[in-house]
Protein backbone atom coordinates (compact mmCIF):
# COMPACT_ATOMS: atom_id res chain seq x y z
CA MET A 1 9.39 25.64 -23.28
CA ILE A 2 8.99 24.38 -19.72
CA ALA A 3 6.91 26.53 -17.37
CA LEU A 4 7.92 26.39 -13.72
CA ILE A 5 4.98 27.68 -11.69
CA ASP A 6 6.01 30.61 -9.51
CA TYR A 7 3.88 30.84 -6.38
CA ASP A 8 6.60 31.35 -3.75
CA ALA A 9 7.19 27.61 -3.29
CA GLY A 10 10.24 26.88 -1.15
CA ASN A 11 12.09 24.67 -3.64
CA THR A 12 11.87 26.91 -6.72
CA CYS A 13 15.56 27.85 -6.61
CA SER A 14 16.75 24.24 -6.38
CA VAL A 15 14.47 23.26 -9.27
CA THR A 16 15.78 26.09 -11.45
CA ASN A 17 19.33 25.00 -10.61
CA ALA A 18 18.47 21.44 -11.70
CA LEU A 19 16.98 22.73 -14.98
CA ASP A 20 20.05 24.93 -15.55
CA ARG A 21 22.31 21.89 -15.11
CA LEU A 22 20.25 20.07 -17.73
CA LYS A 23 20.46 23.12 -20.03
CA VAL A 24 16.68 23.18 -20.34
CA ASP A 25 14.78 26.15 -21.74
CA TYR A 26 12.32 27.16 -19.02
CA LEU A 27 10.38 30.11 -17.69
CA LEU A 28 9.65 30.75 -14.00
CA THR A 29 6.22 32.34 -14.17
CA ASP A 30 2.86 32.95 -12.53
CA ASP A 31 1.35 34.20 -15.81
CA ALA A 32 -1.63 32.02 -16.72
CA SER A 33 -1.18 32.45 -20.47
CA GLU A 34 2.51 31.45 -20.30
CA ILE A 35 1.66 28.38 -18.20
CA ARG A 36 -1.13 27.33 -20.55
CA LYS A 37 1.02 27.56 -23.68
CA ALA A 38 4.07 25.77 -22.22
CA ASP A 39 5.01 22.36 -23.62
CA LYS A 40 5.37 20.98 -20.09
CA VAL A 41 4.73 22.35 -16.61
CA ILE A 42 6.61 21.75 -13.36
CA PHE A 43 4.62 22.40 -10.18
CA PRO A 44 7.08 22.66 -7.26
CA GLY A 45 6.29 22.87 -3.57
CA VAL A 46 7.78 22.88 -0.10
CA GLY A 47 6.08 23.87 3.13
CA HIS A 48 2.47 24.00 4.29
CA ALA A 49 -0.22 22.67 1.95
CA GLY A 50 -2.82 25.18 3.15
CA ALA A 51 -0.48 28.11 2.61
CA ALA A 52 0.44 26.77 -0.82
CA MET A 53 -3.23 26.55 -1.85
CA ASN A 54 -3.83 30.08 -0.58
CA ALA A 55 -0.89 31.32 -2.65
CA LEU A 56 -2.31 29.62 -5.75
CA LYS A 57 -5.72 31.17 -5.08
CA LYS A 58 -4.24 34.65 -4.69
CA LYS A 59 -2.53 34.28 -8.04
CA ASP A 60 -5.71 32.85 -9.65
CA LEU A 61 -3.86 29.70 -10.63
CA VAL A 62 -6.09 26.97 -9.19
CA GLU A 63 -8.37 26.60 -12.20
CA VAL A 64 -5.45 27.24 -14.55
CA ILE A 65 -3.57 24.21 -13.20
CA LYS A 66 -6.67 22.01 -13.11
CA GLY A 67 -7.36 22.84 -16.75
CA LEU A 68 -3.91 22.03 -18.12
CA ASP A 69 -3.75 19.28 -20.75
CA GLN A 70 0.02 19.12 -21.29
CA PRO A 71 2.25 17.01 -19.00
CA VAL A 72 2.49 18.43 -15.48
CA LEU A 73 4.98 17.27 -12.83
CA GLY A 74 4.19 18.03 -9.19
CA ILE A 75 7.11 17.80 -6.74
CA CYS A 76 6.62 17.18 -2.99
CA VAL A 77 3.80 19.55 -1.90
CA GLY A 78 3.13 20.05 -5.62
CA MET A 79 2.28 16.34 -5.75
CA GLN A 80 0.25 16.43 -2.53
CA LEU A 81 -1.89 19.29 -3.85
CA LEU A 82 -3.09 17.00 -6.63
CA ALA A 83 -5.21 15.24 -3.97
CA LYS A 84 -8.69 16.24 -2.77
CA ARG A 85 -7.68 17.35 0.72
CA SER A 86 -4.74 17.43 3.09
CA GLU A 87 -4.70 16.95 6.85
CA GLU A 88 -2.10 19.73 6.88
CA GLY A 89 -4.28 22.67 7.87
CA ASP A 90 -7.35 20.66 6.83
CA SER A 91 -6.95 22.26 3.42
CA TYR A 92 -8.51 21.51 0.07
CA GLY A 93 -6.32 20.35 -2.81
CA LEU A 94 -6.89 20.48 -6.55
CA GLY A 95 -8.99 17.29 -6.52
CA ILE A 96 -7.23 15.72 -9.51
CA ILE A 97 -6.45 12.49 -7.62
CA ASP A 98 -9.27 10.97 -5.58
CA THR A 99 -7.53 10.59 -2.21
CA ASN A 100 -6.62 12.59 0.89
CA VAL A 101 -3.12 13.41 2.15
CA LYS A 102 -2.45 12.21 5.71
CA LYS A 103 0.12 12.90 8.42
CA PHE A 104 2.65 10.29 9.44
CA SER A 105 1.80 8.82 12.85
CA MET A 106 4.01 9.75 15.79
CA ASP A 107 3.16 6.39 17.41
CA ASN A 108 6.07 4.44 15.97
CA ALA A 109 9.81 4.80 16.51
CA LEU A 110 10.40 6.64 13.23
CA LYS A 111 11.01 10.38 13.31
CA VAL A 112 8.63 12.79 11.66
CA PRO A 113 9.33 14.42 9.27
CA HIS A 114 10.56 11.62 7.04
CA MET A 115 13.82 13.26 6.03
CA GLY A 116 16.75 11.86 4.10
CA TRP A 117 17.46 9.20 1.51
CA ASN A 118 15.14 6.29 0.85
CA THR A 119 14.46 3.73 -1.86
CA ILE A 120 11.34 3.38 -3.96
CA GLU A 121 9.61 0.53 -5.74
CA ALA A 122 8.55 1.21 -9.30
CA SER A 123 8.33 -0.48 -12.67
CA LYS A 124 11.03 0.38 -15.20
CA ASP A 125 8.49 0.28 -18.01
CA ILE A 126 7.04 3.61 -16.81
CA LYS A 127 8.53 6.37 -18.97
CA LEU A 128 9.28 8.58 -15.95
CA PHE A 129 11.64 5.89 -14.60
CA GLU A 130 13.38 4.86 -17.83
CA ASN A 131 17.16 4.44 -17.50
CA LEU A 132 16.95 4.83 -13.73
CA ASP A 133 18.41 2.57 -11.07
CA ILE A 134 15.12 1.78 -9.33
CA SER A 135 17.08 0.38 -6.38
CA GLY A 136 18.80 3.75 -5.92
CA HIS A 137 18.09 6.31 -3.22
CA TYR A 138 15.98 9.46 -3.52
CA TYR A 139 15.79 12.46 -1.18
CA PHE A 140 12.62 12.94 0.90
CA VAL A 141 11.55 15.70 3.30
CA HIS A 142 7.89 15.49 4.38
CA SER A 143 5.58 14.99 7.34
CA TYR A 144 2.50 14.26 5.23
CA PHE A 145 1.99 11.55 2.62
CA MET A 146 -0.39 10.43 -0.07
CA PRO A 147 -1.63 6.89 0.65
CA LEU A 148 -1.36 4.19 -1.98
CA ASN A 149 -4.22 4.64 -4.44
CA SER A 150 -5.24 3.92 -8.02
CA ALA A 151 -2.89 6.66 -9.31
CA THR A 152 0.20 5.28 -7.54
CA ILE A 153 3.04 4.33 -9.91
CA ALA A 154 5.83 4.06 -7.30
CA SER A 155 5.84 3.45 -3.57
CA CYS A 156 8.14 4.03 -0.63
CA ASN A 157 8.04 2.60 2.88
CA TYR A 158 8.50 4.67 6.02
CA GLY A 159 6.76 2.67 8.71
CA ILE A 160 3.93 2.26 6.22
CA PRO A 161 3.91 2.16 2.41
CA PHE A 162 2.91 5.41 0.71
CA SER A 163 2.87 6.90 -2.78
CA ALA A 164 6.33 7.97 -3.93
CA ALA A 165 5.02 8.81 -7.41
CA VAL A 166 1.58 9.10 -8.98
CA ARG A 167 0.01 9.61 -12.36
CA LYS A 168 -3.50 10.64 -13.34
CA ASP A 169 -3.93 11.39 -17.05
CA ASN A 170 -1.41 14.17 -17.87
CA PHE A 171 -0.65 14.87 -14.20
CA TRP A 172 2.44 13.24 -12.68
CA GLY A 173 3.70 13.68 -9.14
CA ILE A 174 6.74 12.69 -7.09
CA GLN A 175 6.94 12.93 -3.31
CA PHE A 176 10.74 12.96 -3.24
CA HIS A 177 12.85 15.90 -4.38
CA ALA A 178 14.27 14.93 -7.76
CA GLU A 179 16.10 18.25 -7.86
CA LYS A 180 18.07 17.18 -4.77
CA SER A 181 18.48 13.50 -5.66
CA GLY A 182 21.74 13.69 -7.59
CA MET A 183 22.14 11.92 -10.92
CA LEU A 184 19.02 9.81 -10.42
CA GLY A 185 16.93 12.92 -9.88
CA SER A 186 18.46 14.65 -12.89
CA GLN A 187 17.66 11.62 -15.05
CA LEU A 188 14.06 11.62 -13.82
CA ILE A 189 13.61 15.32 -14.63
CA SER A 190 15.18 14.68 -18.04
CA ASN A 191 12.78 11.76 -18.57
CA PHE A 192 9.81 14.01 -17.78
CA ILE A 193 11.04 16.65 -20.21
CA ASN A 194 12.08 14.33 -23.03
CA ASN A 195 10.03 11.12 -22.72
CA ILE A 196 6.58 12.15 -21.50
CA ASP A 197 4.04 13.08 -24.18
């Protein structure tokens, strides 16, 4: 069973649609016991990092998520919340990855938010990217980014290089929206469900 954490994240519906297309058995839940006993956990997120952390706190899910030992996949803000802090609302994160999330600079000619299709650089020998066209395009929508760090397993460039995917122990994260990235995104979600131990 896949647990999809329900904390009013903006992309929950699109993630459930992606899981339905893959015919995956999942449960959308904010119940701590259901999340803890799931085989895998998907941690979605769209919107403001501070508001997302407040929602997790209200549902008493912060320590639940930090204590998970099964594979967890954070998507967009769900990935960013794995960091220590975010400049978005100067909010704390879960502190799983030892870095801070920063805002894209408005000083260059690129528009903020970074929105649309972009390529990533990653190694095919990472299970999350097996059978994927690494040169393909993935869908991004974000104004804040996680810098390259020791947990980075894929990068993207938007004026500066940043983490497109991370891994720390059983916690995985992707900045792009796999659920909106067509066949490549579907394959990545399938890889997480079927290939990650």
